[in-house]
Amino acid sequence: MPTYEYQCDKCDHQFEVFQRITDDPVEVCSECGGHVKRLIAATNFILKGAGWHKTDYATPSNDADKKPQACAPENMGPACDGCPAKGE
């Protein structure tokens, strides 16, 4: 069950209340009867592990992108002499 923090506008009294998400928010201060507002508090949510976003959501690497492309036969000229792709 979540913990909500409240602060009174009249006396600045701060307090915590364990409530369900579906429960109505507290509107009255227990100390002075003034109007209270819900505060935004830090959460306990922590992402642990090295590179969770890289390992879980990265696009797969393609080895073909890392290797040089072979020349098309119609583009092979004198500069391709001795190239293994030329097949000599």
C-alpha atoms as a PDB file:
ATOM      1  CA  MET A   1       0.000   0.000   0.000  1.00  0.00           C
ATOM      2  CA  PRO A   2       1.466   3.413  -0.982  1.00  0.00           C
ATOM      3  CA  THR A   3       2.472   6.049   1.522  1.00  0.00           C
ATOM      4  CA  TYR A   4       1.274   9.571   0.764  1.00  0.00           C
ATOM      5  CA  GLU A   5       2.710  12.720   2.323  1.00  0.00           C
ATOM      6  CA  TYR A   6       0.535  15.711   3.142  1.00  0.00           C
ATOM      7  CA  GLN A   7       1.200  19.248   4.377  1.00  0.00           C
ATOM      8  CA  CYS A   8      -1.258  21.618   6.011  1.00  0.00           C
ATOM      9  CA  ASP A   9      -1.643  25.033   4.376  1.00  0.00           C
ATOM     10  CA  LYS A  10      -2.554  26.630   7.728  1.00  0.00           C
ATOM     11  CA  CYS A  11      -0.040  25.235  10.275  1.00  0.00           C
ATOM     12  CA  ASP A  12       2.570  23.598   7.928  1.00  0.00           C
ATOM     13  CA  HIS A  13       2.147  20.268   9.766  1.00  0.00           C
ATOM     14  CA  GLN A  14       3.504  17.414   7.621  1.00  0.00           C
ATOM     15  CA  PHE A  15       2.314  13.824   7.970  1.00  0.00           C
ATOM     16  CA  GLU A  16       2.203  10.514   6.121  1.00  0.00           C
ATOM     17  CA  VAL A  17      -0.827   8.335   5.439  1.00  0.00           C
ATOM     18  CA  PHE A  18      -0.912   4.733   4.189  1.00  0.00           C
ATOM     19  CA  GLN A  19      -3.702   4.653   1.606  1.00  0.00           C
ATOM     20  CA  ARG A  20      -4.881   2.616  -1.319  1.00  0.00           C
ATOM     21  CA  ILE A  21      -4.634   4.285  -4.706  1.00  0.00           C
ATOM     22  CA  THR A  22      -8.424   4.190  -4.932  1.00  0.00           C
ATOM     23  CA  ASP A  23      -8.923   5.983  -1.568  1.00  0.00           C
ATOM     24  CA  ASP A  24      -9.901   9.651  -1.584  1.00  0.00           C
ATOM     25  CA  PRO A  25      -7.077  12.029  -0.625  1.00  0.00           C
ATOM     26  CA  VAL A  26      -6.993  13.509   2.881  1.00  0.00           C
ATOM     27  CA  GLU A  27      -8.398  17.057   2.913  1.00  0.00           C
ATOM     28  CA  VAL A  28      -8.309  18.107   6.588  1.00  0.00           C
ATOM     29  CA  CYS A  29      -5.309  18.477   8.911  1.00  0.00           C
ATOM     30  CA  SER A  30      -5.487  16.304  12.022  1.00  0.00           C
ATOM     31  CA  GLU A  31      -3.720  19.007  14.089  1.00  0.00           C
ATOM     32  CA  CYS A  32      -5.639  22.193  13.305  1.00  0.00           C
ATOM     33  CA  GLY A  33      -8.422  21.269  10.877  1.00  0.00           C
ATOM     34  CA  GLY A  34      -6.913  23.315   8.028  1.00  0.00           C
ATOM     35  CA  HIS A  35      -6.806  22.328   4.366  1.00  0.00           C
ATOM     36  CA  VAL A  36      -3.991  19.944   3.376  1.00  0.00           C
ATOM     37  CA  LYS A  37      -2.300  19.262   0.053  1.00  0.00           C
ATOM     38  CA  ARG A  38      -0.600  16.077  -1.107  1.00  0.00           C
ATOM     39  CA  LEU A  39       3.165  16.381  -1.539  1.00  0.00           C
ATOM     40  CA  ILE A  40       5.256  14.735  -4.222  1.00  0.00           C
ATOM     41  CA  ALA A  41       7.884  12.547  -2.587  1.00  0.00           C
ATOM     42  CA  ALA A  42      10.930  10.658  -3.812  1.00  0.00           C
ATOM     43  CA  THR A  43      10.319   7.033  -4.705  1.00  0.00           C
ATOM     44  CA  ASN A  44      12.176   3.822  -3.934  1.00  0.00           C
ATOM     45  CA  PHE A  45      12.495   2.967  -7.635  1.00  0.00           C
ATOM     46  CA  ILE A  46      16.134   2.184  -8.454  1.00  0.00           C
ATOM     47  CA  LEU A  47      17.513   0.791 -11.712  1.00  0.00           C
ATOM     48  CA  LYS A  48      20.429  -1.522 -10.990  1.00  0.00           C
ATOM     49  CA  GLY A  49      22.802  -3.339 -13.266  1.00  0.00           C
ATOM     50  CA  ALA A  50      25.273  -2.326 -15.912  1.00  0.00           C
ATOM     51  CA  GLY A  51      23.728  -1.311 -19.188  1.00  0.00           C
ATOM     52  CA  TRP A  52      20.201  -2.588 -18.632  1.00  0.00           C
ATOM     53  CA  HIS A  53      18.953  -0.280 -21.370  1.00  0.00           C
ATOM     54  CA  LYS A  54      21.616  -1.422 -23.840  1.00  0.00           C
ATOM     55  CA  THR A  55      21.146  -5.120 -23.275  1.00  0.00           C
ATOM     56  CA  ASP A  56      17.364  -5.080 -23.148  1.00  0.00           C
ATOM     57  CA  TYR A  57      16.411  -2.501 -25.747  1.00  0.00           C
ATOM     58  CA  ALA A  58      19.312  -2.131 -28.147  1.00  0.00           C
ATOM     59  CA  THR A  59      18.946  -3.169 -31.760  1.00  0.00           C
ATOM     60  CA  PRO A  60      20.805  -6.390 -32.585  1.00  0.00           C
ATOM     61  CA  SER A  61      24.193  -5.859 -34.178  1.00  0.00           C
ATOM     62  CA  ASN A  62      24.676  -6.997 -37.715  1.00  0.00           C
ATOM     63  CA  ASP A  63      28.074  -8.455 -38.590  1.00  0.00           C
ATOM     64  CA  ALA A  64      27.482  -7.625 -42.256  1.00  0.00           C
ATOM     65  CA  ASP A  65      27.649  -3.927 -41.373  1.00  0.00           C
ATOM     66  CA  LYS A  66      31.129  -4.363 -39.922  1.00  0.00           C
ATOM     67  CA  LYS A  67      32.634  -6.209 -42.911  1.00  0.00           C
ATOM     68  CA  PRO A  68      33.560  -4.374 -46.113  1.00  0.00           C
ATOM     69  CA  GLN A  69      31.189  -4.935 -49.012  1.00  0.00           C
ATOM     70  CA  ALA A  70      32.573  -6.859 -51.974  1.00  0.00           C
ATOM     71  CA  CYS A  71      32.827  -4.907 -55.200  1.00  0.00           C
ATOM     72  CA  ALA A  72      30.189  -5.529 -57.824  1.00  0.00           C
ATOM     73  CA  PRO A  73      31.747  -7.247 -60.889  1.00  0.00           C
ATOM     74  CA  GLU A  74      30.705  -4.404 -63.206  1.00  0.00           C
ATOM     75  CA  ASN A  75      32.528  -1.871 -61.006  1.00  0.00           C
ATOM     76  CA  MET A  76      35.853  -3.727 -60.827  1.00  0.00           C
ATOM     77  CA  GLY A  77      38.608  -1.892 -62.579  1.00  0.00           C
ATOM     78  CA  PRO A  78      42.402  -1.571 -62.382  1.00  0.00           C
ATOM     79  CA  ALA A  79      42.186  -0.387 -58.763  1.00  0.00           C
ATOM     80  CA  CYS A  80      40.755  -3.793 -57.800  1.00  0.00           C
ATOM     81  CA  ASP A  81      43.805  -5.763 -59.005  1.00  0.00           C
ATOM     82  CA  GLY A  82      44.836  -8.146 -56.249  1.00  0.00           C
ATOM     83  CA  CYS A  83      41.509  -7.770 -54.415  1.00  0.00           C
ATOM     84  CA  PRO A  84      40.211 -11.138 -53.087  1.00  0.00           C
ATOM     85  CA  ALA A  85      36.705 -10.178 -54.215  1.00  0.00           C
ATOM     86  CA  LYS A  86      37.921 -10.021 -57.827  1.00  0.00           C
ATOM     87  CA  GLY A  87      38.603 -13.721 -57.719  1.00  0.00           C
ATOM     88  CA  GLU A  88      42.023 -13.743 -59.404  1.00  0.00           C
END
